[in-house]
Amino acid sequence: MTFPFIAKYALETPGVARRVATTAPEINANTTFDQLNQVPAPTMNAVRALVLRDRLSFASAAWFLRTKCTPDIATSLTSATADAWSKYMTICVGTSDAPERLEGYRKALRAYGL
């Protein structure tokens, strides 16, 4: 995830939000994505460190899917189709569904036996 999403995730994670307030008092629920993109690198790294432990890091994917995608897109991912992946990439993630990205998705599916 890009830093603005990491910061929003940290702010919405119980037990981490109060640590964000101590670590980076300039970041709060009202901080915009544009403002988060302007945060100095040392502050970004300090906030990232708050959610790097495995439990929080792995949970960030579920948070992203739940908060940044509509339920129909999240549900469609269970089909493991290129169309579902394309909608996820373009609508939720906000990037392109370039062929090289699709190939990475297909490799991941094969690795999981899907």
PDB file of N, CA and C in Angstrom:
ATOM      1  N   MET A   1       0.837  -1.183   0.000  1.00  0.00           N
ATOM      2  CA  MET A   1       0.000   0.000   0.000  1.00  0.00           C
ATOM      3  C   MET A   1       0.877   1.241   0.000  1.00  0.00           C
ATOM      4  N   THR A   2       0.359   2.282  -0.564  1.00  0.00           N
ATOM      5  CA  THR A   2       1.052   3.557  -0.515  1.00  0.00           C
ATOM      6  C   THR A   2       0.885   4.163   0.873  1.00  0.00           C
ATOM      7  N   PHE A   3       1.729   5.126   1.191  1.00  0.00           N
ATOM      8  CA  PHE A   3       1.706   5.674   2.543  1.00  0.00           C
ATOM      9  C   PHE A   3       0.354   6.233   2.974  1.00  0.00           C
ATOM     10  N   PRO A   4      -0.374   6.962   2.127  1.00  0.00           N
ATOM     11  CA  PRO A   4      -1.677   7.451   2.609  1.00  0.00           C
ATOM     12  C   PRO A   4      -2.594   6.328   3.109  1.00  0.00           C
ATOM     13  N   PHE A   5      -2.584   5.185   2.430  1.00  0.00           N
ATOM     14  CA  PHE A   5      -3.396   4.058   2.886  1.00  0.00           C
ATOM     15  C   PHE A   5      -2.833   3.463   4.176  1.00  0.00           C
ATOM     16  N   ILE A   6      -1.519   3.379   4.276  1.00  0.00           N
ATOM     17  CA  ILE A   6      -0.892   2.868   5.503  1.00  0.00           C
ATOM     18  C   ILE A   6      -1.276   3.746   6.684  1.00  0.00           C
ATOM     19  N   ALA A   7      -1.216   5.057   6.492  1.00  0.00           N
ATOM     20  CA  ALA A   7      -1.569   5.981   7.577  1.00  0.00           C
ATOM     21  C   ALA A   7      -3.032   5.827   7.969  1.00  0.00           C
ATOM     22  N   LYS A   8      -3.928   5.736   6.983  1.00  0.00           N
ATOM     23  CA  LYS A   8      -5.358   5.567   7.282  1.00  0.00           C
ATOM     24  C   LYS A   8      -5.582   4.238   8.010  1.00  0.00           C
ATOM     25  N   TYR A   9      -4.905   3.185   7.566  1.00  0.00           N
ATOM     26  CA  TYR A   9      -5.013   1.882   8.228  1.00  0.00           C
ATOM     27  C   TYR A   9      -4.539   1.980   9.677  1.00  0.00           C
ATOM     28  N   ALA A  10      -3.415   2.620   9.894  1.00  0.00           N
ATOM     29  CA  ALA A  10      -2.887   2.771  11.255  1.00  0.00           C
ATOM     30  C   ALA A  10      -3.878   3.539  12.133  1.00  0.00           C
ATOM     31  N   LEU A  11      -4.478   4.575  11.578  1.00  0.00           N
ATOM     32  CA  LEU A  11      -5.437   5.376  12.349  1.00  0.00           C
ATOM     33  C   LEU A  11      -6.720   4.617  12.672  1.00  0.00           C
ATOM     34  N   GLU A  12      -7.062   3.636  11.842  1.00  0.00           N
ATOM     35  CA  GLU A  12      -8.291   2.870  12.044  1.00  0.00           C
ATOM     36  C   GLU A  12      -8.069   1.550  12.774  1.00  0.00           C
ATOM     37  N   THR A  13      -6.834   1.285  13.169  1.00  0.00           N
ATOM     38  CA  THR A  13      -6.521   0.030  13.855  1.00  0.00           C
ATOM     39  C   THR A  13      -6.476   0.258  15.361  1.00  0.00           C
ATOM     40  N   PRO A  14      -7.365  -0.431  16.090  1.00  0.00           N
ATOM     41  CA  PRO A  14      -7.372  -0.267  17.551  1.00  0.00           C
ATOM     42  C   PRO A  14      -5.987  -0.531  18.139  1.00  0.00           C
ATOM     43  N   GLY A  15      -5.601   0.293  19.061  1.00  0.00           N
ATOM     44  CA  GLY A  15      -4.311   0.148  19.716  1.00  0.00           C
ATOM     45  C   GLY A  15      -3.169   0.821  18.978  1.00  0.00           C
ATOM     46  N   VAL A  16      -3.350   1.088  17.692  1.00  0.00           N
ATOM     47  CA  VAL A  16      -2.300   1.735  16.916  1.00  0.00           C
ATOM     48  C   VAL A  16      -2.578   3.226  16.791  1.00  0.00           C
ATOM     49  N   ALA A  17      -3.835   3.595  16.692  1.00  0.00           N
ATOM     50  CA  ALA A  17      -4.204   5.002  16.468  1.00  0.00           C
ATOM     51  C   ALA A  17      -3.603   5.929  17.521  1.00  0.00           C
ATOM     52  N   ARG A  18      -3.638   5.522  18.778  1.00  0.00           N
ATOM     53  CA  ARG A  18      -3.076   6.401  19.818  1.00  0.00           C
ATOM     54  C   ARG A  18      -1.556   6.506  19.693  1.00  0.00           C
ATOM     55  N   ARG A  19      -0.933   5.461  19.163  1.00  0.00           N
ATOM     56  CA  ARG A  19       0.513   5.513  18.945  1.00  0.00           C
ATOM     57  C   ARG A  19       0.855   6.428  17.773  1.00  0.00           C
ATOM     58  N   VAL A  20      -0.058   6.506  16.772  1.00  0.00           N
ATOM     59  CA  VAL A  20       0.146   7.444  15.666  1.00  0.00           C
ATOM     60  C   VAL A  20       0.121   8.864  16.216  1.00  0.00           C
ATOM     61  N   ALA A  21      -0.816   9.131  17.119  1.00  0.00           N
ATOM     62  CA  ALA A  21      -0.927  10.467  17.707  1.00  0.00           C
ATOM     63  C   ALA A  21       0.350  10.880  18.419  1.00  0.00           C
ATOM     64  N   THR A  22       1.027   9.921  19.030  1.00  0.00           N
ATOM     65  CA  THR A  22       2.281  10.203  19.724  1.00  0.00           C
ATOM     66  C   THR A  22       3.450  10.306  18.744  1.00  0.00           C
ATOM     67  N   THR A  23       3.469   9.399  17.773  1.00  0.00           N
ATOM     68  CA  THR A  23       4.567   9.318  16.811  1.00  0.00           C
ATOM     69  C   THR A  23       4.519  10.435  15.768  1.00  0.00           C
ATOM     70  N   ALA A  24       3.314  10.732  15.305  1.00  0.00           N
ATOM     71  CA  ALA A  24       3.141  11.720  14.230  1.00  0.00           C
ATOM     72  C   ALA A  24       1.893  12.553  14.505  1.00  0.00           C
ATOM     73  N   PRO A  25       1.966  13.484  15.451  1.00  0.00           N
ATOM     74  CA  PRO A  25       0.781  14.251  15.842  1.00  0.00           C
ATOM     75  C   PRO A  25       0.152  15.042  14.702  1.00  0.00           C
ATOM     76  N   GLU A  26       0.904  15.260  13.612  1.00  0.00           N
ATOM     77  CA  GLU A  26       0.357  15.989  12.476  1.00  0.00           C
ATOM     78  C   GLU A  26      -0.585  15.135  11.623  1.00  0.00           C
ATOM     79  N   ILE A  27      -0.641  13.839  11.906  1.00  0.00           N
ATOM     80  CA  ILE A  27      -1.504  12.921  11.156  1.00  0.00           C
ATOM     81  C   ILE A  27      -2.701  12.553  12.021  1.00  0.00           C
ATOM     82  N   ASN A  28      -3.881  12.765  11.473  1.00  0.00           N
ATOM     83  CA  ASN A  28      -5.112  12.388  12.172  1.00  0.00           C
ATOM     84  C   ASN A  28      -6.171  12.003  11.146  1.00  0.00           C
ATOM     85  N   ALA A  29      -7.357  11.671  11.602  1.00  0.00           N
ATOM     86  CA  ALA A  29      -8.422  11.196  10.719  1.00  0.00           C
ATOM     87  C   ALA A  29      -8.808  12.220   9.657  1.00  0.00           C
ATOM     88  N   ASN A  30      -8.536  13.487   9.899  1.00  0.00           N
ATOM     89  CA  ASN A  30      -8.895  14.530   8.939  1.00  0.00           C
ATOM     90  C   ASN A  30      -7.786  14.864   7.950  1.00  0.00           C
ATOM     91  N   THR A  31      -6.639  14.236   8.094  1.00  0.00           N
ATOM     92  CA  THR A  31      -5.516  14.498   7.193  1.00  0.00           C
ATOM     93  C   THR A  31      -5.855  13.917   5.819  1.00  0.00           C
ATOM     94  N   THR A  32      -5.745  14.739   4.794  1.00  0.00           N
ATOM     95  CA  THR A  32      -6.107  14.305   3.442  1.00  0.00           C
ATOM     96  C   THR A  32      -4.997  13.463   2.812  1.00  0.00           C
ATOM     97  N   PHE A  33      -5.346  12.756   1.751  1.00  0.00           N
ATOM     98  CA  PHE A  33      -4.361  11.963   1.033  1.00  0.00           C
ATOM     99  C   PHE A  33      -3.252  12.859   0.485  1.00  0.00           C
ATOM    100  N   ASP A  34      -3.610  14.038  -0.021  1.00  0.00           N
ATOM    101  CA  ASP A  34      -2.588  14.959  -0.523  1.00  0.00           C
ATOM    102  C   ASP A  34      -1.619  15.358   0.587  1.00  0.00           C
ATOM    103  N   GLN A  35      -2.154  15.641   1.768  1.00  0.00           N
ATOM    104  CA  GLN A  35      -1.295  16.004   2.903  1.00  0.00           C
ATOM    105  C   GLN A  35      -0.422  14.817   3.315  1.00  0.00           C
ATOM    106  N   LEU A  36      -0.990  13.610   3.291  1.00  0.00           N
ATOM    107  CA  LEU A  36      -0.220  12.428   3.668  1.00  0.00           C
ATOM    108  C   LEU A  36       0.915  12.165   2.684  1.00  0.00           C
ATOM    109  N   ASN A  37       0.711  12.518   1.438  1.00  0.00           N
ATOM    110  CA  ASN A  37       1.781  12.361   0.440  1.00  0.00           C
ATOM    111  C   ASN A  37       2.926  13.345   0.658  1.00  0.00           C
ATOM    112  N   GLN A  38       2.715  14.367   1.480  1.00  0.00           N
ATOM    113  CA  GLN A  38       3.730  15.380   1.751  1.00  0.00           C
ATOM    114  C   GLN A  38       4.465  15.166   3.075  1.00  0.00           C
ATOM    115  N   VAL A  39       4.090  14.131   3.810  1.00  0.00           N
ATOM    116  CA  VAL A  39       4.720  13.853   5.107  1.00  0.00           C
ATOM    117  C   VAL A  39       6.189  13.505   4.883  1.00  0.00           C
ATOM    118  N   PRO A  40       7.088  14.021   5.694  1.00  0.00           N
ATOM    119  CA  PRO A  40       8.521  13.707   5.538  1.00  0.00           C
ATOM    120  C   PRO A  40       8.796  12.205   5.701  1.00  0.00           C
ATOM    121  N   ALA A  41       9.780  11.729   4.981  1.00  0.00           N
ATOM    122  CA  ALA A  41      10.129  10.300   4.991  1.00  0.00           C
ATOM    123  C   ALA A  41      10.349   9.737   6.398  1.00  0.00           C
ATOM    124  N   PRO A  42      11.045  10.424   7.298  1.00  0.00           N
ATOM    125  CA  PRO A  42      11.220   9.852   8.639  1.00  0.00           C
ATOM    126  C   PRO A  42       9.886   9.629   9.364  1.00  0.00           C
ATOM    127  N   THR A  43       8.935  10.519   9.161  1.00  0.00           N
ATOM    128  CA  THR A  43       7.610  10.345   9.777  1.00  0.00           C
ATOM    129  C   THR A  43       6.882   9.179   9.135  1.00  0.00           C
ATOM    130  N   MET A  44       6.948   9.088   7.807  1.00  0.00           N
ATOM    131  CA  MET A  44       6.329   7.946   7.115  1.00  0.00           C
ATOM    132  C   MET A  44       6.883   6.637   7.654  1.00  0.00           C
ATOM    133  N   ASN A  45       8.193   6.562   7.782  1.00  0.00           N
ATOM    134  CA  ASN A  45       8.822   5.330   8.260  1.00  0.00           C
ATOM    135  C   ASN A  45       8.416   5.007   9.687  1.00  0.00           C
ATOM    136  N   ALA A  46       8.257   6.012  10.517  1.00  0.00           N
ATOM    137  CA  ALA A  46       7.844   5.792  11.906  1.00  0.00           C
ATOM    138  C   ALA A  46       6.417   5.263  11.966  1.00  0.00           C
ATOM    139  N   VAL A  47       5.548   5.784  11.130  1.00  0.00           N
ATOM    140  CA  VAL A  47       4.158   5.299  11.102  1.00  0.00           C
ATOM    141  C   VAL A  47       4.115   3.894  10.518  1.00  0.00           C
ATOM    142  N   ARG A  48       4.861   3.653   9.454  1.00  0.00           N
ATOM    143  CA  ARG A  48       4.916   2.301   8.868  1.00  0.00           C
ATOM    144  C   ARG A  48       5.353   1.283   9.919  1.00  0.00           C
ATOM    145  N   ALA A  49       6.327   1.643  10.711  1.00  0.00           N
ATOM    146  CA  ALA A  49       6.853   0.716  11.722  1.00  0.00           C
ATOM    147  C   ALA A  49       5.769   0.292  12.712  1.00  0.00           C
ATOM    148  N   LEU A  50       4.762   1.120  12.899  1.00  0.00           N
ATOM    149  CA  LEU A  50       3.688   0.785  13.843  1.00  0.00           C
ATOM    150  C   LEU A  50       2.827  -0.377  13.372  1.00  0.00           C
ATOM    151  N   VAL A  51       2.803  -0.620  12.054  1.00  0.00           N
ATOM    152  CA  VAL A  51       1.939  -1.684  11.523  1.00  0.00           C
ATOM    153  C   VAL A  51       2.719  -2.773  10.780  1.00  0.00           C
ATOM    154  N   LEU A  52       4.022  -2.863  11.026  1.00  0.00           N
ATOM    155  CA  LEU A  52       4.833  -3.851  10.322  1.00  0.00           C
ATOM    156  C   LEU A  52       4.788  -5.257  10.916  1.00  0.00           C
ATOM    157  N   ARG A  53       4.428  -5.384  12.176  1.00  0.00           N
ATOM    158  CA  ARG A  53       4.373  -6.737  12.750  1.00  0.00           C
ATOM    159  C   ARG A  53       3.436  -7.605  11.912  1.00  0.00           C
ATOM    160  N   ASP A  54       3.732  -8.887  11.807  1.00  0.00           N
ATOM    161  CA  ASP A  54       2.977  -9.776  10.928  1.00  0.00           C
ATOM    162  C   ASP A  54       1.465  -9.656  11.111  1.00  0.00           C
ATOM    163  N   ARG A  55       1.002  -9.706  12.336  1.00  0.00           N
ATOM    164  CA  ARG A  55      -0.446  -9.689  12.585  1.00  0.00           C
ATOM    165  C   ARG A  55      -1.089  -8.458  11.956  1.00  0.00           C
ATOM    166  N   LEU A  56      -0.489  -7.304  12.136  1.00  0.00           N
ATOM    167  CA  LEU A  56      -1.043  -6.074  11.585  1.00  0.00           C
ATOM    168  C   LEU A  56      -0.776  -5.947  10.095  1.00  0.00           C
ATOM    169  N   SER A  57       0.392  -6.350   9.661  1.00  0.00           N
ATOM    170  CA  SER A  57       0.733  -6.251   8.247  1.00  0.00           C
ATOM    171  C   SER A  57      -0.191  -7.113   7.396  1.00  0.00           C
ATOM    172  N   PHE A  58      -0.386  -8.358   7.790  1.00  0.00           N
ATOM    173  CA  PHE A  58      -1.252  -9.253   7.025  1.00  0.00           C
ATOM    174  C   PHE A  58      -2.713  -8.799   7.086  1.00  0.00           C
ATOM    175  N   ALA A  59      -3.118  -8.257   8.197  1.00  0.00           N
ATOM    176  CA  ALA A  59      -4.498  -7.789   8.346  1.00  0.00           C
ATOM    177  C   ALA A  59      -4.788  -6.576   7.469  1.00  0.00           C
ATOM    178  N   SER A  60      -3.756  -5.890   7.026  1.00  0.00           N
ATOM    179  CA  SER A  60      -3.980  -4.690   6.210  1.00  0.00           C
ATOM    180  C   SER A  60      -4.660  -5.026   4.883  1.00  0.00           C
ATOM    181  N   ALA A  61      -4.409  -6.194   4.346  1.00  0.00           N
ATOM    182  CA  ALA A  61      -5.059  -6.580   3.087  1.00  0.00           C
ATOM    183  C   ALA A  61      -6.567  -6.702   3.277  1.00  0.00           C
ATOM    184  N   ALA A  62      -6.977  -7.317   4.368  1.00  0.00           N
ATOM    185  CA  ALA A  62      -8.413  -7.433   4.644  1.00  0.00           C
ATOM    186  C   ALA A  62      -9.030  -6.062   4.900  1.00  0.00           C
ATOM    187  N   TRP A  63      -8.319  -5.194   5.617  1.00  0.00           N
ATOM    188  CA  TRP A  63      -8.802  -3.838   5.855  1.00  0.00           C
ATOM    189  C   TRP A  63      -8.992  -3.117   4.524  1.00  0.00           C
ATOM    190  N   PHE A  64      -8.004  -3.210   3.644  1.00  0.00           N
ATOM    191  CA  PHE A  64      -8.084  -2.533   2.354  1.00  0.00           C
ATOM    192  C   PHE A  64      -9.287  -3.033   1.566  1.00  0.00           C
ATOM    193  N   LEU A  65      -9.449  -4.335   1.488  1.00  0.00           N
ATOM    194  CA  LEU A  65     -10.565  -4.919   0.741  1.00  0.00           C
ATOM    195  C   LEU A  65     -11.903  -4.470   1.328  1.00  0.00           C
ATOM    196  N   ARG A  66     -11.997  -4.454   2.635  1.00  0.00           N
ATOM    197  CA  ARG A  66     -13.253  -4.088   3.315  1.00  0.00           C
ATOM    198  C   ARG A  66     -13.561  -2.594   3.203  1.00  0.00           C
ATOM    199  N   THR A  67     -12.538  -1.751   3.231  1.00  0.00           N
ATOM    200  CA  THR A  67     -12.789  -0.316   3.286  1.00  0.00           C
ATOM    201  C   THR A  67     -12.634   0.404   1.951  1.00  0.00           C
ATOM    202  N   LYS A  68     -11.929  -0.174   1.011  1.00  0.00           N
ATOM    203  CA  LYS A  68     -11.658   0.523  -0.251  1.00  0.00           C
ATOM    204  C   LYS A  68     -12.364  -0.101  -1.448  1.00  0.00           C
ATOM    205  N   CYS A  69     -13.034  -1.224  -1.239  1.00  0.00           N
ATOM    206  CA  CYS A  69     -13.742  -1.898  -2.326  1.00  0.00           C
ATOM    207  C   CYS A  69     -15.220  -2.022  -1.976  1.00  0.00           C
ATOM    208  N   THR A  70     -16.037  -2.048  -2.991  1.00  0.00           N
ATOM    209  CA  THR A  70     -17.451  -2.320  -2.754  1.00  0.00           C
ATOM    210  C   THR A  70     -17.614  -3.817  -2.498  1.00  0.00           C
ATOM    211  N   PRO A  71     -18.656  -4.207  -1.776  1.00  0.00           N
ATOM    212  CA  PRO A  71     -18.844  -5.640  -1.491  1.00  0.00           C
ATOM    213  C   PRO A  71     -18.902  -6.508  -2.747  1.00  0.00           C
ATOM    214  N   ASP A  72     -19.488  -6.006  -3.832  1.00  0.00           N
ATOM    215  CA  ASP A  72     -19.574  -6.831  -5.042  1.00  0.00           C
ATOM    216  C   ASP A  72     -18.196  -7.099  -5.642  1.00  0.00           C
ATOM    217  N   ILE A  73     -17.310  -6.122  -5.589  1.00  0.00           N
ATOM    218  CA  ILE A  73     -15.952  -6.358  -6.104  1.00  0.00           C
ATOM    219  C   ILE A  73     -15.202  -7.313  -5.192  1.00  0.00           C
ATOM    220  N   ALA A  74     -15.319  -7.121  -3.896  1.00  0.00           N
ATOM    221  CA  ALA A  74     -14.650  -8.028  -2.952  1.00  0.00           C
ATOM    222  C   ALA A  74     -15.140  -9.460  -3.146  1.00  0.00           C
ATOM    223  N   THR A  75     -16.438  -9.633  -3.270  1.00  0.00           N
ATOM    224  CA  THR A  75     -17.007 -10.972  -3.462  1.00  0.00           C
ATOM    225  C   THR A  75     -16.583 -11.569  -4.791  1.00  0.00           C
ATOM    226  N   SER A  76     -16.517 -10.745  -5.829  1.00  0.00           N
ATOM    227  CA  SER A  76     -16.164 -11.268  -7.149  1.00  0.00           C
ATOM    228  C   SER A  76     -14.746 -11.832  -7.191  1.00  0.00           C
ATOM    229  N   LEU A  77     -13.886 -11.378  -6.297  1.00  0.00           N
ATOM    230  CA  LEU A  77     -12.512 -11.897  -6.279  1.00  0.00           C
ATOM    231  C   LEU A  77     -12.459 -13.390  -5.977  1.00  0.00           C
ATOM    232  N   THR A  78     -13.480 -13.909  -5.319  1.00  0.00           N
ATOM    233  CA  THR A  78     -13.501 -15.351  -5.033  1.00  0.00           C
ATOM    234  C   THR A  78     -13.611 -16.179  -6.302  1.00  0.00           C
ATOM    235  N   SER A  79     -14.026 -15.559  -7.409  1.00  0.00           N
ATOM    236  CA  SER A  79     -14.125 -16.279  -8.685  1.00  0.00           C
ATOM    237  C   SER A  79     -12.754 -16.527  -9.306  1.00  0.00           C
ATOM    238  N   ALA A  80     -11.744 -15.788  -8.861  1.00  0.00           N
ATOM    239  CA  ALA A  80     -10.375 -15.911  -9.379  1.00  0.00           C
ATOM    240  C   ALA A  80     -10.315 -15.705 -10.894  1.00  0.00           C
ATOM    241  N   THR A  81     -11.131 -14.776 -11.397  1.00  0.00           N
ATOM    242  CA  THR A  81     -11.133 -14.498 -12.833  1.00  0.00           C
ATOM    243  C   THR A  81     -10.347 -13.221 -13.134  1.00  0.00           C
ATOM    244  N   ALA A  82      -9.913 -13.111 -14.371  1.00  0.00           N
ATOM    245  CA  ALA A  82      -9.198 -11.913 -14.803  1.00  0.00           C
ATOM    246  C   ALA A  82     -10.109 -10.691 -14.736  1.00  0.00           C
ATOM    247  N   ASP A  83     -11.391 -10.863 -15.007  1.00  0.00           N
ATOM    248  CA  ASP A  83     -12.327  -9.744 -14.948  1.00  0.00           C
ATOM    249  C   ASP A  83     -12.462  -9.215 -13.516  1.00  0.00           C
ATOM    250  N   ALA A  84     -12.600 -10.105 -12.555  1.00  0.00           N
ATOM    251  CA  ALA A  84     -12.716  -9.691 -11.148  1.00  0.00           C
ATOM    252  C   ALA A  84     -11.438  -8.986 -10.706  1.00  0.00           C
ATOM    253  N   TRP A  85     -10.300  -9.544 -11.081  1.00  0.00           N
ATOM    254  CA  TRP A  85      -9.017  -8.931 -10.742  1.00  0.00           C
ATOM    255  C   TRP A  85      -8.893  -7.559 -11.381  1.00  0.00           C
ATOM    256  N   SER A  86      -9.299  -7.427 -12.646  1.00  0.00           N
ATOM    257  CA  SER A  86      -9.227  -6.155 -13.357  1.00  0.00           C
ATOM    258  C   SER A  86     -10.051  -5.082 -12.653  1.00  0.00           C
ATOM    259  N   LYS A  87     -11.257  -5.420 -12.233  1.00  0.00           N
ATOM    260  CA  LYS A  87     -12.098  -4.454 -11.514  1.00  0.00           C
ATOM    261  C   LYS A  87     -11.453  -4.070 -10.183  1.00  0.00           C
ATOM    262  N   TYR A  88     -10.892  -5.043  -9.489  1.00  0.00           N
ATOM    263  CA  TYR A  88     -10.212  -4.760  -8.229  1.00  0.00           C
ATOM    264  C   TYR A  88      -9.061  -3.775  -8.454  1.00  0.00           C
ATOM    265  N   MET A  89      -8.236  -4.041  -9.443  1.00  0.00           N
ATOM    266  CA  MET A  89      -7.072  -3.194  -9.708  1.00  0.00           C
ATOM    267  C   MET A  89      -7.478  -1.783 -10.134  1.00  0.00           C
ATOM    268  N   THR A  90      -8.450  -1.673 -11.027  1.00  0.00           N
ATOM    269  CA  THR A  90      -8.792  -0.363 -11.568  1.00  0.00           C
ATOM    270  C   THR A  90      -9.715   0.440 -10.650  1.00  0.00           C
ATOM    271  N   ILE A  91     -10.641  -0.227  -9.981  1.00  0.00           N
ATOM    272  CA  ILE A  91     -11.612   0.501  -9.158  1.00  0.00           C
ATOM    273  C   ILE A  91     -11.130   0.660  -7.715  1.00  0.00           C
ATOM    274  N   CYS A  92     -10.648  -0.403  -7.102  1.00  0.00           N
ATOM    275  CA  CYS A  92     -10.229  -0.331  -5.691  1.00  0.00           C
ATOM    276  C   CYS A  92      -8.822   0.236  -5.535  1.00  0.00           C
ATOM    277  N   VAL A  93      -7.889  -0.356  -6.237  1.00  0.00           N
ATOM    278  CA  VAL A  93      -6.494   0.044  -6.097  1.00  0.00           C
ATOM    279  C   VAL A  93      -6.246   1.367  -6.818  1.00  0.00           C
ATOM    280  N   GLY A  94      -6.960   1.583  -7.915  1.00  0.00           N
ATOM    281  CA  GLY A  94      -6.810   2.828  -8.656  1.00  0.00           C
ATOM    282  C   GLY A  94      -5.609   2.845  -9.569  1.00  0.00           C
ATOM    283  N   THR A  95      -5.290   1.693 -10.125  1.00  0.00           N
ATOM    284  CA  THR A  95      -4.167   1.593 -11.059  1.00  0.00           C
ATOM    285  C   THR A  95      -4.627   0.835 -12.287  1.00  0.00           C
ATOM    286  N   SER A  96      -3.716   0.584 -13.187  1.00  0.00           N
ATOM    287  CA  SER A  96      -4.079  -0.108 -14.428  1.00  0.00           C
ATOM    288  C   SER A  96      -4.071  -1.620 -14.224  1.00  0.00           C
ATOM    289  N   ASP A  97      -4.734  -2.282 -15.132  1.00  0.00           N
ATOM    290  CA  ASP A  97      -4.716  -3.746 -15.141  1.00  0.00           C
ATOM    291  C   ASP A  97      -3.802  -4.218 -16.268  1.00  0.00           C
ATOM    292  N   ALA A  98      -2.597  -3.684 -16.270  1.00  0.00           N
ATOM    293  CA  ALA A  98      -1.605  -3.983 -17.310  1.00  0.00           C
ATOM    294  C   ALA A  98      -1.340  -5.480 -17.402  1.00  0.00           C
ATOM    295  N   PRO A  99      -1.058  -5.950 -18.614  1.00  0.00           N
ATOM    296  CA  PRO A  99      -0.821  -7.387 -18.815  1.00  0.00           C
ATOM    297  C   PRO A  99       0.231  -7.987 -17.887  1.00  0.00           C
ATOM    298  N   GLU A 100       1.311  -7.244 -17.613  1.00  0.00           N
ATOM    299  CA  GLU A 100       2.343  -7.806 -16.726  1.00  0.00           C
ATOM    300  C   GLU A 100       1.820  -7.973 -15.303  1.00  0.00           C
ATOM    301  N   ARG A 101       0.900  -7.127 -14.885  1.00  0.00           N
ATOM    302  CA  ARG A 101       0.291  -7.291 -13.567  1.00  0.00           C
ATOM    303  C   ARG A 101      -0.638  -8.498 -13.561  1.00  0.00           C
ATOM    304  N   LEU A 102      -1.374  -8.671 -14.652  1.00  0.00           N
ATOM    305  CA  LEU A 102      -2.264  -9.828 -14.758  1.00  0.00           C
ATOM    306  C   LEU A 102      -1.458 -11.117 -14.692  1.00  0.00           C
ATOM    307  N   GLU A 103      -0.303 -11.136 -15.325  1.00  0.00           N
ATOM    308  CA  GLU A 103       0.529 -12.345 -15.283  1.00  0.00           C
ATOM    309  C   GLU A 103       0.970 -12.648 -13.861  1.00  0.00           C
ATOM    310  N   GLY A 104       1.317 -11.628 -13.084  1.00  0.00           N
ATOM    311  CA  GLY A 104       1.669 -11.837 -11.679  1.00  0.00           C
ATOM    312  C   GLY A 104       0.501 -12.411 -10.891  1.00  0.00           C
ATOM    313  N   TYR A 105      -0.709 -11.931 -11.174  1.00  0.00           N
ATOM    314  CA  TYR A 105      -1.911 -12.453 -10.526  1.00  0.00           C
ATOM    315  C   TYR A 105      -2.102 -13.926 -10.893  1.00  0.00           C
ATOM    316  N   ARG A 106      -1.933 -14.241 -12.157  1.00  0.00           N
ATOM    317  CA  ARG A 106      -2.108 -15.642 -12.594  1.00  0.00           C
ATOM    318  C   ARG A 106      -1.056 -16.554 -11.959  1.00  0.00           C
ATOM    319  N   LYS A 107       0.173 -16.064 -11.802  1.00  0.00           N
ATOM    320  CA  LYS A 107       1.212 -16.856 -11.129  1.00  0.00           C
ATOM    321  C   LYS A 107       0.821 -17.124  -9.686  1.00  0.00           C
ATOM    322  N   ALA A 108       0.280 -16.130  -9.036  1.00  0.00           N
ATOM    323  CA  ALA A 108      -0.154 -16.299  -7.640  1.00  0.00           C
ATOM    324  C   ALA A 108      -1.275 -17.329  -7.557  1.00  0.00           C
ATOM    325  N   LEU A 109      -2.224 -17.264  -8.471  1.00  0.00           N
ATOM    326  CA  LEU A 109      -3.320 -18.245  -8.483  1.00  0.00           C
ATOM    327  C   LEU A 109      -2.775 -19.657  -8.666  1.00  0.00           C
ATOM    328  N   ARG A 110      -1.829 -19.806  -9.593  1.00  0.00           N
ATOM    329  CA  ARG A 110      -1.241 -21.139  -9.810  1.00  0.00           C
ATOM    330  C   ARG A 110      -0.515 -21.633  -8.575  1.00  0.00           C
ATOM    331  N   ALA A 111       0.179 -20.720  -7.883  1.00  0.00           N
ATOM    332  CA  ALA A 111       0.901 -21.099  -6.671  1.00  0.00           C
ATOM    333  C   ALA A 111      -0.054 -21.618  -5.601  1.00  0.00           C
ATOM    334  N   TYR A 112      -1.272 -21.069  -5.597  1.00  0.00           N
ATOM    335  CA  TYR A 112      -2.282 -21.525  -4.640  1.00  0.00           C
ATOM    336  C   TYR A 112      -3.132 -22.673  -5.177  1.00  0.00           C
ATOM    337  N   GLY A 113      -2.776 -23.157  -6.367  1.00  0.00           N
ATOM    338  CA  GLY A 113      -3.493 -24.280  -6.940  1.00  0.00           C
ATOM    339  C   GLY A 113      -4.868 -23.902  -7.470  1.00  0.00           C
ATOM    340  N   LEU A 114      -5.037 -22.671  -7.840  1.00  0.00           N
ATOM    341  CA  LEU A 114      -6.335 -22.213  -8.372  1.00  0.00           C
ATOM    342  C   LEU A 114      -6.300 -22.015  -9.878  1.00  0.00           C
TER     343      LEU A 114
END
